[in-house]
Amino acid sequence: MQAQQENPISEEHARQLWISLASLLRSYTAAHGLHGSRQATVELGDTMIRVRCGERWLELQRQADRLEGWMQDGRRFQLRWSEDGDLWTEAGVGLPMDLQAEEWSRELVA
């Protein structure tokens, strides 16, 4: 992983990453639901993504290149995008956006 960038990315770049994240969540939740009876719904807005699957849910809010998230179990987190699409925690731990979306999807649909 590369070190987290200090400079924020542009609003247009953040918006494109946001749309990509919603698309990944749709794809991965659908894939995880193939062998079960549960399917997730993904709602996308300019600054909000909400994923629901039964009693489980994930809500993400975006302000520029920063994300704040909540899950049904009370977990809260803050992330920041790097230029290449990695999501970074405040502690400096980064994960590619597709791997993070897959992890969330697995938790929601499993």
PDB file of N, CA and C in Angstrom:
ATOM      1  N   MET A   1       0.831  -1.179   0.000  1.00  0.00           N
ATOM      2  CA  MET A   1       0.000   0.000   0.000  1.00  0.00           C
ATOM      3  C   MET A   1       0.879   1.247   0.000  1.00  0.00           C
ATOM      4  N   GLN A   2       0.450   2.231  -0.748  1.00  0.00           N
ATOM      5  CA  GLN A   2       1.144   3.502  -0.722  1.00  0.00           C
ATOM      6  C   GLN A   2       0.701   4.286   0.501  1.00  0.00           C
ATOM      7  N   ALA A   3       1.529   5.222   0.910  1.00  0.00           N
ATOM      8  CA  ALA A   3       1.171   6.071   2.038  1.00  0.00           C
ATOM      9  C   ALA A   3      -0.016   6.948   1.668  1.00  0.00           C
ATOM     10  N   GLN A   4      -0.847   7.240   2.645  1.00  0.00           N
ATOM     11  CA  GLN A   4      -2.018   8.069   2.427  1.00  0.00           C
ATOM     12  C   GLN A   4      -1.613   9.460   1.972  1.00  0.00           C
ATOM     13  N   GLN A   5      -2.351   9.980   1.016  1.00  0.00           N
ATOM     14  CA  GLN A   5      -2.067  11.308   0.515  1.00  0.00           C
ATOM     15  C   GLN A   5      -2.545  12.358   1.499  1.00  0.00           C
ATOM     16  N   GLU A   6      -1.800  13.438   1.588  1.00  0.00           N
ATOM     17  CA  GLU A   6      -2.199  14.549   2.445  1.00  0.00           C
ATOM     18  C   GLU A   6      -3.127  15.493   1.705  1.00  0.00           C
ATOM     19  N   ASN A   7      -2.983  15.608   0.391  1.00  0.00           N
ATOM     20  CA  ASN A   7      -3.793  16.524  -0.395  1.00  0.00           C
ATOM     21  C   ASN A   7      -5.129  15.877  -0.748  1.00  0.00           C
ATOM     22  N   PRO A   8      -6.221  16.595  -0.531  1.00  0.00           N
ATOM     23  CA  PRO A   8      -7.516  16.023  -0.887  1.00  0.00           C
ATOM     24  C   PRO A   8      -7.657  15.912  -2.401  1.00  0.00           C
ATOM     25  N   ILE A   9      -8.448  14.958  -2.825  1.00  0.00           N
ATOM     26  CA  ILE A   9      -8.709  14.796  -4.250  1.00  0.00           C
ATOM     27  C   ILE A   9      -9.809  15.774  -4.654  1.00  0.00           C
ATOM     28  N   SER A  10      -9.967  15.985  -5.939  1.00  0.00           N
ATOM     29  CA  SER A  10     -10.968  16.936  -6.432  1.00  0.00           C
ATOM     30  C   SER A  10     -12.382  16.399  -6.170  1.00  0.00           C
ATOM     31  N   GLU A  11     -13.332  17.312  -6.161  1.00  0.00           N
ATOM     32  CA  GLU A  11     -14.736  16.931  -5.967  1.00  0.00           C
ATOM     33  C   GLU A  11     -15.207  16.001  -7.085  1.00  0.00           C
ATOM     34  N   GLU A  12     -14.820  16.271  -8.304  1.00  0.00           N
ATOM     35  CA  GLU A  12     -15.223  15.417  -9.428  1.00  0.00           C
ATOM     36  C   GLU A  12     -14.653  14.008  -9.267  1.00  0.00           C
ATOM     37  N   HIS A  13     -13.395  13.909  -8.885  1.00  0.00           N
ATOM     38  CA  HIS A  13     -12.766  12.601  -8.667  1.00  0.00           C
ATOM     39  C   HIS A  13     -13.479  11.863  -7.525  1.00  0.00           C
ATOM     40  N   ALA A  14     -13.764  12.567  -6.434  1.00  0.00           N
ATOM     41  CA  ALA A  14     -14.472  11.956  -5.298  1.00  0.00           C
ATOM     42  C   ALA A  14     -15.856  11.479  -5.717  1.00  0.00           C
ATOM     43  N   ARG A  15     -16.547  12.254  -6.545  1.00  0.00           N
ATOM     44  CA  ARG A  15     -17.887  11.867  -7.012  1.00  0.00           C
ATOM     45  C   ARG A  15     -17.822  10.590  -7.852  1.00  0.00           C
ATOM     46  N   GLN A  16     -16.802  10.482  -8.711  1.00  0.00           N
ATOM     47  CA  GLN A  16     -16.647   9.277  -9.527  1.00  0.00           C
ATOM     48  C   GLN A  16     -16.328   8.052  -8.666  1.00  0.00           C
ATOM     49  N   LEU A  17     -15.480   8.235  -7.673  1.00  0.00           N
ATOM     50  CA  LEU A  17     -15.180   7.128  -6.756  1.00  0.00           C
ATOM     51  C   LEU A  17     -16.432   6.723  -5.979  1.00  0.00           C
ATOM     52  N   TRP A  18     -17.241   7.693  -5.590  1.00  0.00           N
ATOM     53  CA  TRP A  18     -18.491   7.447  -4.864  1.00  0.00           C
ATOM     54  C   TRP A  18     -19.439   6.569  -5.682  1.00  0.00           C
ATOM     55  N   ILE A  19     -19.604   6.913  -6.940  1.00  0.00           N
ATOM     56  CA  ILE A  19     -20.465   6.130  -7.839  1.00  0.00           C
ATOM     57  C   ILE A  19     -19.886   4.730  -8.016  1.00  0.00           C
ATOM     58  N   SER A  20     -18.582   4.633  -8.136  1.00  0.00           N
ATOM     59  CA  SER A  20     -17.930   3.323  -8.263  1.00  0.00           C
ATOM     60  C   SER A  20     -18.146   2.480  -7.015  1.00  0.00           C
ATOM     61  N   LEU A  21     -18.060   3.092  -5.845  1.00  0.00           N
ATOM     62  CA  LEU A  21     -18.282   2.361  -4.596  1.00  0.00           C
ATOM     63  C   LEU A  21     -19.699   1.802  -4.542  1.00  0.00           C
ATOM     64  N   ALA A  22     -20.692   2.590  -4.919  1.00  0.00           N
ATOM     65  CA  ALA A  22     -22.079   2.113  -4.929  1.00  0.00           C
ATOM     66  C   ALA A  22     -22.233   0.948  -5.905  1.00  0.00           C
ATOM     67  N   SER A  23     -21.594   1.035  -7.060  1.00  0.00           N
ATOM     68  CA  SER A  23     -21.655  -0.036  -8.049  1.00  0.00           C
ATOM     69  C   SER A  23     -21.015  -1.321  -7.516  1.00  0.00           C
ATOM     70  N   LEU A  24     -19.877  -1.181  -6.860  1.00  0.00           N
ATOM     71  CA  LEU A  24     -19.225  -2.349  -6.262  1.00  0.00           C
ATOM     72  C   LEU A  24     -20.110  -2.981  -5.193  1.00  0.00           C
ATOM     73  N   LEU A  25     -20.740  -2.162  -4.365  1.00  0.00           N
ATOM     74  CA  LEU A  25     -21.625  -2.701  -3.323  1.00  0.00           C
ATOM     75  C   LEU A  25     -22.806  -3.443  -3.945  1.00  0.00           C
ATOM     76  N   ARG A  26     -23.372  -2.917  -5.027  1.00  0.00           N
ATOM     77  CA  ARG A  26     -24.468  -3.613  -5.717  1.00  0.00           C
ATOM     78  C   ARG A  26     -23.998  -4.963  -6.245  1.00  0.00           C
ATOM     79  N   SER A  27     -22.847  -4.961  -6.903  1.00  0.00           N
ATOM     80  CA  SER A  27     -22.331  -6.201  -7.505  1.00  0.00           C
ATOM     81  C   SER A  27     -21.989  -7.243  -6.453  1.00  0.00           C
ATOM     82  N   TYR A  28     -21.261  -6.835  -5.418  1.00  0.00           N
ATOM     83  CA  TYR A  28     -20.825  -7.795  -4.405  1.00  0.00           C
ATOM     84  C   TYR A  28     -21.977  -8.303  -3.551  1.00  0.00           C
ATOM     85  N   THR A  29     -22.935  -7.445  -3.212  1.00  0.00           N
ATOM     86  CA  THR A  29     -24.073  -7.950  -2.432  1.00  0.00           C
ATOM     87  C   THR A  29     -24.892  -8.911  -3.276  1.00  0.00           C
ATOM     88  N   ALA A  30     -25.037  -8.635  -4.557  1.00  0.00           N
ATOM     89  CA  ALA A  30     -25.760  -9.560  -5.439  1.00  0.00           C
ATOM     90  C   ALA A  30     -25.025 -10.896  -5.530  1.00  0.00           C
ATOM     91  N   ALA A  31     -23.712 -10.850  -5.679  1.00  0.00           N
ATOM     92  CA  ALA A  31     -22.927 -12.086  -5.770  1.00  0.00           C
ATOM     93  C   ALA A  31     -23.029 -12.897  -4.485  1.00  0.00           C
ATOM     94  N   HIS A  32     -22.965 -12.247  -3.337  1.00  0.00           N
ATOM     95  CA  HIS A  32     -23.059 -12.972  -2.067  1.00  0.00           C
ATOM     96  C   HIS A  32     -24.459 -13.526  -1.834  1.00  0.00           C
ATOM     97  N   GLY A  33     -25.460 -12.945  -2.471  1.00  0.00           N
ATOM     98  CA  GLY A  33     -26.823 -13.423  -2.304  1.00  0.00           C
ATOM     99  C   GLY A  33     -27.225 -14.513  -3.274  1.00  0.00           C
ATOM    100  N   LEU A  34     -26.359 -14.896  -4.197  1.00  0.00           N
ATOM    101  CA  LEU A  34     -26.711 -15.887  -5.220  1.00  0.00           C
ATOM    102  C   LEU A  34     -27.105 -17.248  -4.643  1.00  0.00           C
ATOM    103  N   HIS A  35     -26.448 -17.661  -3.589  1.00  0.00           N
ATOM    104  CA  HIS A  35     -26.685 -19.002  -3.046  1.00  0.00           C
ATOM    105  C   HIS A  35     -27.572 -18.978  -1.813  1.00  0.00           C
ATOM    106  N   GLY A  36     -28.278 -17.907  -1.615  1.00  0.00           N
ATOM    107  CA  GLY A  36     -29.149 -17.793  -0.449  1.00  0.00           C
ATOM    108  C   GLY A  36     -30.470 -17.181  -0.851  1.00  0.00           C
ATOM    109  N   SER A  37     -31.275 -16.932   0.139  1.00  0.00           N
ATOM    110  CA  SER A  37     -32.589 -16.357  -0.131  1.00  0.00           C
ATOM    111  C   SER A  37     -32.627 -14.870   0.182  1.00  0.00           C
ATOM    112  N   ARG A  38     -31.467 -14.274   0.493  1.00  0.00           N
ATOM    113  CA  ARG A  38     -31.424 -12.861   0.880  1.00  0.00           C
ATOM    114  C   ARG A  38     -30.801 -12.025  -0.224  1.00  0.00           C
ATOM    115  N   GLN A  39     -31.395 -10.867  -0.444  1.00  0.00           N
ATOM    116  CA  GLN A  39     -30.820  -9.911  -1.380  1.00  0.00           C
ATOM    117  C   GLN A  39     -30.771  -8.558  -0.716  1.00  0.00           C
ATOM    118  N   ALA A  40     -29.783  -7.791  -1.055  1.00  0.00           N
ATOM    119  CA  ALA A  40     -29.610  -6.462  -0.480  1.00  0.00           C
ATOM    120  C   ALA A  40     -30.164  -5.407  -1.435  1.00  0.00           C
ATOM    121  N   THR A  41     -30.560  -4.287  -0.873  1.00  0.00           N
ATOM    122  CA  THR A  41     -30.910  -3.124  -1.666  1.00  0.00           C
ATOM    123  C   THR A  41     -29.837  -2.071  -1.436  1.00  0.00           C
ATOM    124  N   VAL A  42     -29.494  -1.364  -2.486  1.00  0.00           N
ATOM    125  CA  VAL A  42     -28.487  -0.313  -2.409  1.00  0.00           C
ATOM    126  C   VAL A  42     -29.123   0.977  -2.907  1.00  0.00           C
ATOM    127  N   GLU A  43     -29.170   1.981  -2.037  1.00  0.00           N
ATOM    128  CA  GLU A  43     -29.682   3.301  -2.403  1.00  0.00           C
ATOM    129  C   GLU A  43     -28.489   4.237  -2.542  1.00  0.00           C
ATOM    130  N   LEU A  44     -28.498   5.029  -3.607  1.00  0.00           N
ATOM    131  CA  LEU A  44     -27.398   5.951  -3.878  1.00  0.00           C
ATOM    132  C   LEU A  44     -27.934   7.366  -4.006  1.00  0.00           C
ATOM    133  N   GLY A  45     -27.320   8.286  -3.283  1.00  0.00           N
ATOM    134  CA  GLY A  45     -27.582   9.712  -3.424  1.00  0.00           C
ATOM    135  C   GLY A  45     -26.263  10.436  -3.605  1.00  0.00           C
ATOM    136  N   ASP A  46     -26.325  11.736  -3.788  1.00  0.00           N
ATOM    137  CA  ASP A  46     -25.102  12.513  -3.985  1.00  0.00           C
ATOM    138  C   ASP A  46     -24.133  12.386  -2.819  1.00  0.00           C
ATOM    139  N   THR A  47     -24.657  12.267  -1.603  1.00  0.00           N
ATOM    140  CA  THR A  47     -23.790  12.210  -0.426  1.00  0.00           C
ATOM    141  C   THR A  47     -24.127  11.063   0.508  1.00  0.00           C
ATOM    142  N   MET A  48     -24.984  10.125   0.075  1.00  0.00           N
ATOM    143  CA  MET A  48     -25.404   9.028   0.947  1.00  0.00           C
ATOM    144  C   MET A  48     -25.499   7.736   0.141  1.00  0.00           C
ATOM    145  N   ILE A  49     -24.985   6.659   0.717  1.00  0.00           N
ATOM    146  CA  ILE A  49     -25.217   5.300   0.208  1.00  0.00           C
ATOM    147  C   ILE A  49     -25.785   4.520   1.382  1.00  0.00           C
ATOM    148  N   ARG A  50     -26.890   3.822   1.145  1.00  0.00           N
ATOM    149  CA  ARG A  50     -27.484   2.991   2.191  1.00  0.00           C
ATOM    150  C   ARG A  50     -27.678   1.589   1.603  1.00  0.00           C
ATOM    151  N   VAL A  51     -27.151   0.592   2.312  1.00  0.00           N
ATOM    152  CA  VAL A  51     -27.282  -0.799   1.893  1.00  0.00           C
ATOM    153  C   VAL A  51     -28.047  -1.529   2.993  1.00  0.00           C
ATOM    154  N   ARG A  52     -29.100  -2.251   2.600  1.00  0.00           N
ATOM    155  CA  ARG A  52     -29.905  -3.001   3.566  1.00  0.00           C
ATOM    156  C   ARG A  52     -30.060  -4.444   3.103  1.00  0.00           C
ATOM    157  N   CYS A  53     -29.973  -5.332   4.074  1.00  0.00           N
ATOM    158  CA  CYS A  53     -30.211  -6.750   3.809  1.00  0.00           C
ATOM    159  C   CYS A  53     -30.816  -7.332   5.075  1.00  0.00           C
ATOM    160  N   GLY A  54     -32.134  -7.493   5.080  1.00  0.00           N
ATOM    161  CA  GLY A  54     -32.805  -7.953   6.284  1.00  0.00           C
ATOM    162  C   GLY A  54     -32.615  -6.936   7.397  1.00  0.00           C
ATOM    163  N   GLU A  55     -32.157  -7.413   8.539  1.00  0.00           N
ATOM    164  CA  GLU A  55     -31.930  -6.546   9.694  1.00  0.00           C
ATOM    165  C   GLU A  55     -30.574  -5.832   9.643  1.00  0.00           C
ATOM    166  N   ARG A  56     -29.730  -6.229   8.706  1.00  0.00           N
ATOM    167  CA  ARG A  56     -28.392  -5.648   8.618  1.00  0.00           C
ATOM    168  C   ARG A  56     -28.405  -4.450   7.680  1.00  0.00           C
ATOM    169  N   TRP A  57     -27.593  -3.460   7.997  1.00  0.00           N
ATOM    170  CA  TRP A  57     -27.500  -2.283   7.136  1.00  0.00           C
ATOM    171  C   TRP A  57     -26.149  -1.593   7.297  1.00  0.00           C
ATOM    172  N   LEU A  58     -25.820  -0.843   6.285  1.00  0.00           N
ATOM    173  CA  LEU A  58     -24.628  -0.003   6.230  1.00  0.00           C
ATOM    174  C   LEU A  58     -25.073   1.339   5.673  1.00  0.00           C
ATOM    175  N   GLU A  59     -24.661   2.416   6.310  1.00  0.00           N
ATOM    176  CA  GLU A  59     -24.932   3.745   5.773  1.00  0.00           C
ATOM    177  C   GLU A  59     -23.617   4.501   5.673  1.00  0.00           C
ATOM    178  N   LEU A  60     -23.412   5.099   4.513  1.00  0.00           N
ATOM    179  CA  LEU A  60     -22.220   5.894   4.250  1.00  0.00           C
ATOM    180  C   LEU A  60     -22.645   7.302   3.859  1.00  0.00           C
ATOM    181  N   GLN A  61     -21.947   8.292   4.376  1.00  0.00           N
ATOM    182  CA  GLN A  61     -22.168   9.682   4.011  1.00  0.00           C
ATOM    183  C   GLN A  61     -20.843  10.232   3.523  1.00  0.00           C
ATOM    184  N   ARG A  62     -20.908  11.054   2.469  1.00  0.00           N
ATOM    185  CA  ARG A  62     -19.691  11.594   1.868  1.00  0.00           C
ATOM    186  C   ARG A  62     -19.683  13.110   1.953  1.00  0.00           C
ATOM    187  N   GLN A  63     -18.540  13.639   2.310  1.00  0.00           N
ATOM    188  CA  GLN A  63     -18.280  15.067   2.207  1.00  0.00           C
ATOM    189  C   GLN A  63     -16.914  15.200   1.559  1.00  0.00           C
ATOM    190  N   ALA A  64     -16.920  15.631   0.312  1.00  0.00           N
ATOM    191  CA  ALA A  64     -15.705  15.723  -0.502  1.00  0.00           C
ATOM    192  C   ALA A  64     -15.040  14.346  -0.567  1.00  0.00           C
ATOM    193  N   ASP A  65     -13.781  14.210  -0.106  1.00  0.00           N
ATOM    194  CA  ASP A  65     -13.072  12.930  -0.198  1.00  0.00           C
ATOM    195  C   ASP A  65     -13.156  12.128   1.090  1.00  0.00           C
ATOM    196  N   ARG A  66     -14.004  12.543   2.006  1.00  0.00           N
ATOM    197  CA  ARG A  66     -14.135  11.867   3.303  1.00  0.00           C
ATOM    198  C   ARG A  66     -15.462  11.144   3.409  1.00  0.00           C
ATOM    199  N   LEU A  67     -15.418   9.997   4.055  1.00  0.00           N
ATOM    200  CA  LEU A  67     -16.614   9.182   4.270  1.00  0.00           C
ATOM    201  C   LEU A  67     -16.802   8.941   5.751  1.00  0.00           C
ATOM    202  N   GLU A  68     -18.054   8.929   6.167  1.00  0.00           N
ATOM    203  CA  GLU A  68     -18.392   8.514   7.518  1.00  0.00           C
ATOM    204  C   GLU A  68     -19.384   7.380   7.369  1.00  0.00           C
ATOM    205  N   GLY A  69     -19.195   6.312   8.141  1.00  0.00           N
ATOM    206  CA  GLY A  69     -20.048   5.145   8.010  1.00  0.00           C
ATOM    207  C   GLY A  69     -20.576   4.649   9.334  1.00  0.00           C
ATOM    208  N   TRP A  70     -21.731   3.982   9.255  1.00  0.00           N
ATOM    209  CA  TRP A  70     -22.378   3.368  10.405  1.00  0.00           C
ATOM    210  C   TRP A  70     -22.901   2.000   9.983  1.00  0.00           C
ATOM    211  N   MET A  71     -22.885   1.064  10.923  1.00  0.00           N
ATOM    212  CA  MET A  71     -23.487  -0.249  10.684  1.00  0.00           C
ATOM    213  C   MET A  71     -24.473  -0.544  11.808  1.00  0.00           C
ATOM    214  N   GLN A  72     -25.355  -1.502  11.558  1.00  0.00           N
ATOM    215  CA  GLN A  72     -26.435  -1.806  12.490  1.00  0.00           C
ATOM    216  C   GLN A  72     -25.950  -2.242  13.867  1.00  0.00           C
ATOM    217  N   ASP A  73     -24.729  -2.736  13.946  1.00  0.00           N
ATOM    218  CA  ASP A  73     -24.207  -3.201  15.237  1.00  0.00           C
ATOM    219  C   ASP A  73     -23.573  -2.075  16.051  1.00  0.00           C
ATOM    220  N   GLY A  74     -23.709  -0.830  15.590  1.00  0.00           N
ATOM    221  CA  GLY A  74     -23.190   0.304  16.326  1.00  0.00           C
ATOM    222  C   GLY A  74     -21.815   0.768  15.896  1.00  0.00           C
ATOM    223  N   ARG A  75     -21.159   0.027  15.006  1.00  0.00           N
ATOM    224  CA  ARG A  75     -19.837   0.448  14.533  1.00  0.00           C
ATOM    225  C   ARG A  75     -19.941   1.760  13.755  1.00  0.00           C
ATOM    226  N   ARG A  76     -19.018   2.637  14.010  1.00  0.00           N
ATOM    227  CA  ARG A  76     -18.886   3.895  13.279  1.00  0.00           C
ATOM    228  C   ARG A  76     -17.445   4.000  12.815  1.00  0.00           C
ATOM    229  N   PHE A  77     -17.264   4.596  11.668  1.00  0.00           N
ATOM    230  CA  PHE A  77     -15.902   4.737  11.157  1.00  0.00           C
ATOM    231  C   PHE A  77     -15.827   5.933  10.229  1.00  0.00           C
ATOM    232  N   GLN A  78     -14.614   6.444  10.074  1.00  0.00           N
ATOM    233  CA  GLN A  78     -14.342   7.529   9.148  1.00  0.00           C
ATOM    234  C   GLN A  78     -13.215   7.093   8.227  1.00  0.00           C
ATOM    235  N   LEU A  79     -13.394   7.390   6.955  1.00  0.00           N
ATOM    236  CA  LEU A  79     -12.430   6.998   5.937  1.00  0.00           C
ATOM    237  C   LEU A  79     -12.140   8.189   5.037  1.00  0.00           C
ATOM    238  N   ARG A  80     -11.031   8.082   4.313  1.00  0.00           N
ATOM    239  CA  ARG A  80     -10.677   9.102   3.342  1.00  0.00           C
ATOM    240  C   ARG A  80     -10.151   8.409   2.096  1.00  0.00           C
ATOM    241  N   TRP A  81     -10.541   8.917   0.929  1.00  0.00           N
ATOM    242  CA  TRP A  81     -10.059   8.360  -0.324  1.00  0.00           C
ATOM    243  C   TRP A  81      -8.710   8.923  -0.697  1.00  0.00           C
ATOM    244  N   SER A  82      -7.888   8.067  -1.268  1.00  0.00           N
ATOM    245  CA  SER A  82      -6.666   8.532  -1.903  1.00  0.00           C
ATOM    246  C   SER A  82      -6.965   8.672  -3.395  1.00  0.00           C
ATOM    247  N   GLU A  83      -6.057   9.263  -4.113  1.00  0.00           N
ATOM    248  CA  GLU A  83      -6.257   9.487  -5.544  1.00  0.00           C
ATOM    249  C   GLU A  83      -6.486   8.198  -6.314  1.00  0.00           C
ATOM    250  N   ASP A  84      -5.855   7.108  -5.884  1.00  0.00           N
ATOM    251  CA  ASP A  84      -5.990   5.842  -6.603  1.00  0.00           C
ATOM    252  C   ASP A  84      -7.191   5.013  -6.144  1.00  0.00           C
ATOM    253  N   GLY A  85      -8.023   5.557  -5.252  1.00  0.00           N
ATOM    254  CA  GLY A  85      -9.245   4.865  -4.863  1.00  0.00           C
ATOM    255  C   GLY A  85      -9.137   4.039  -3.604  1.00  0.00           C
ATOM    256  N   ASP A  86      -7.988   4.047  -2.961  1.00  0.00           N
ATOM    257  CA  ASP A  86      -7.884   3.342  -1.684  1.00  0.00           C
ATOM    258  C   ASP A  86      -8.648   4.118  -0.616  1.00  0.00           C
ATOM    259  N   LEU A  87      -9.202   3.396   0.349  1.00  0.00           N
ATOM    260  CA  LEU A  87      -9.876   4.007   1.483  1.00  0.00           C
ATOM    261  C   LEU A  87      -8.970   3.898   2.696  1.00  0.00           C
ATOM    262  N   TRP A  88      -8.719   5.025   3.350  1.00  0.00           N
ATOM    263  CA  TRP A  88      -7.792   5.094   4.472  1.00  0.00           C
ATOM    264  C   TRP A  88      -8.523   5.435   5.758  1.00  0.00           C
ATOM    265  N   THR A  89      -8.149   4.773   6.838  1.00  0.00           N
ATOM    266  CA  THR A  89      -8.700   5.086   8.149  1.00  0.00           C
ATOM    267  C   THR A  89      -7.921   6.249   8.754  1.00  0.00           C
ATOM    268  N   GLU A  90      -8.453   6.796   9.826  1.00  0.00           N
ATOM    269  CA  GLU A  90      -7.741   7.868  10.518  1.00  0.00           C
ATOM    270  C   GLU A  90      -6.420   7.369  11.100  1.00  0.00           C
ATOM    271  N   ALA A  91      -6.321   6.065  11.347  1.00  0.00           N
ATOM    272  CA  ALA A  91      -5.100   5.477  11.891  1.00  0.00           C
ATOM    273  C   ALA A  91      -4.045   5.232  10.815  1.00  0.00           C
ATOM    274  N   GLY A  92      -4.379   5.555   9.544  1.00  0.00           N
ATOM    275  CA  GLY A  92      -3.406   5.400   8.477  1.00  0.00           C
ATOM    276  C   GLY A  92      -3.373   4.030   7.840  1.00  0.00           C
ATOM    277  N   VAL A  93      -4.415   3.241   8.015  1.00  0.00           N
ATOM    278  CA  VAL A  93      -4.509   1.920   7.399  1.00  0.00           C
ATOM    279  C   VAL A  93      -5.345   2.051   6.124  1.00  0.00           C
ATOM    280  N   GLY A  94      -4.784   1.605   5.012  1.00  0.00           N
ATOM    281  CA  GLY A  94      -5.472   1.714   3.731  1.00  0.00           C
ATOM    282  C   GLY A  94      -5.876   0.368   3.173  1.00  0.00           C
ATOM    283  N   LEU A  95      -6.973   0.373   2.415  1.00  0.00           N
ATOM    284  CA  LEU A  95      -7.470  -0.835   1.764  1.00  0.00           C
ATOM    285  C   LEU A  95      -8.062  -0.418   0.423  1.00  0.00           C
ATOM    286  N   PRO A  96      -7.778  -1.160  -0.647  1.00  0.00           N
ATOM    287  CA  PRO A  96      -8.399  -0.832  -1.931  1.00  0.00           C
ATOM    288  C   PRO A  96      -9.923  -0.827  -1.795  1.00  0.00           C
ATOM    289  N   MET A  97     -10.560   0.102  -2.492  1.00  0.00           N
ATOM    290  CA  MET A  97     -12.003   0.273  -2.398  1.00  0.00           C
ATOM    291  C   MET A  97     -12.767  -1.017  -2.717  1.00  0.00           C
ATOM    292  N   ASP A  98     -12.329  -1.775  -3.710  1.00  0.00           N
ATOM    293  CA  ASP A  98     -13.056  -2.996  -4.062  1.00  0.00           C
ATOM    294  C   ASP A  98     -12.982  -4.032  -2.941  1.00  0.00           C
ATOM    295  N   LEU A  99     -11.855  -4.129  -2.263  1.00  0.00           N
ATOM    296  CA  LEU A  99     -11.745  -5.085  -1.162  1.00  0.00           C
ATOM    297  C   LEU A  99     -12.605  -4.654   0.026  1.00  0.00           C
ATOM    298  N   GLN A 100     -12.671  -3.343   0.284  1.00  0.00           N
ATOM    299  CA  GLN A 100     -13.513  -2.852   1.365  1.00  0.00           C
ATOM    300  C   GLN A 100     -14.988  -3.092   1.050  1.00  0.00           C
ATOM    301  N   ALA A 101     -15.394  -2.844  -0.188  1.00  0.00           N
ATOM    302  CA  ALA A 101     -16.787  -3.076  -0.588  1.00  0.00           C
ATOM    303  C   ALA A 101     -17.147  -4.558  -0.468  1.00  0.00           C
ATOM    304  N   GLU A 102     -16.224  -5.415  -0.848  1.00  0.00           N
ATOM    305  CA  GLU A 102     -16.490  -6.858  -0.742  1.00  0.00           C
ATOM    306  C   GLU A 102     -16.629  -7.266   0.716  1.00  0.00           C
ATOM    307  N   GLU A 103     -15.794  -6.734   1.586  1.00  0.00           N
ATOM    308  CA  GLU A 103     -15.864  -7.061   3.012  1.00  0.00           C
ATOM    309  C   GLU A 103     -17.205  -6.629   3.606  1.00  0.00           C
ATOM    310  N   TRP A 104     -17.616  -5.396   3.322  1.00  0.00           N
ATOM    311  CA  TRP A 104     -18.917  -4.919   3.814  1.00  0.00           C
ATOM    312  C   TRP A 104     -20.044  -5.784   3.281  1.00  0.00           C
ATOM    313  N   SER A 105     -19.998  -6.116   1.995  1.00  0.00           N
ATOM    314  CA  SER A 105     -21.048  -6.914   1.367  1.00  0.00           C
ATOM    315  C   SER A 105     -21.162  -8.299   1.994  1.00  0.00           C
ATOM    316  N   ARG A 106     -20.023  -8.919   2.242  1.00  0.00           N
ATOM    317  CA  ARG A 106     -20.012 -10.240   2.865  1.00  0.00           C
ATOM    318  C   ARG A 106     -20.663 -10.179   4.256  1.00  0.00           C
ATOM    319  N   GLU A 107     -20.325  -9.139   5.017  1.00  0.00           N
ATOM    320  CA  GLU A 107     -20.918  -8.984   6.349  1.00  0.00           C
ATOM    321  C   GLU A 107     -22.429  -8.781   6.284  1.00  0.00           C
ATOM    322  N   LEU A 108     -22.895  -8.047   5.301  1.00  0.00           N
ATOM    323  CA  LEU A 108     -24.315  -7.721   5.221  1.00  0.00           C
ATOM    324  C   LEU A 108     -25.169  -8.896   4.738  1.00  0.00           C
ATOM    325  N   VAL A 109     -24.655  -9.648   3.786  1.00  0.00           N
ATOM    326  CA  VAL A 109     -25.473 -10.688   3.142  1.00  0.00           C
ATOM    327  C   VAL A 109     -25.254 -12.059   3.750  1.00  0.00           C
ATOM    328  N   ALA A 110     -24.102 -12.288   4.368  1.00  0.00           N
ATOM    329  CA  ALA A 110     -23.779 -13.620   4.909  1.00  0.00           C
ATOM    330  C   ALA A 110     -24.776 -14.081   5.937  1.00  0.00           C
TER     331      ALA A 110
END
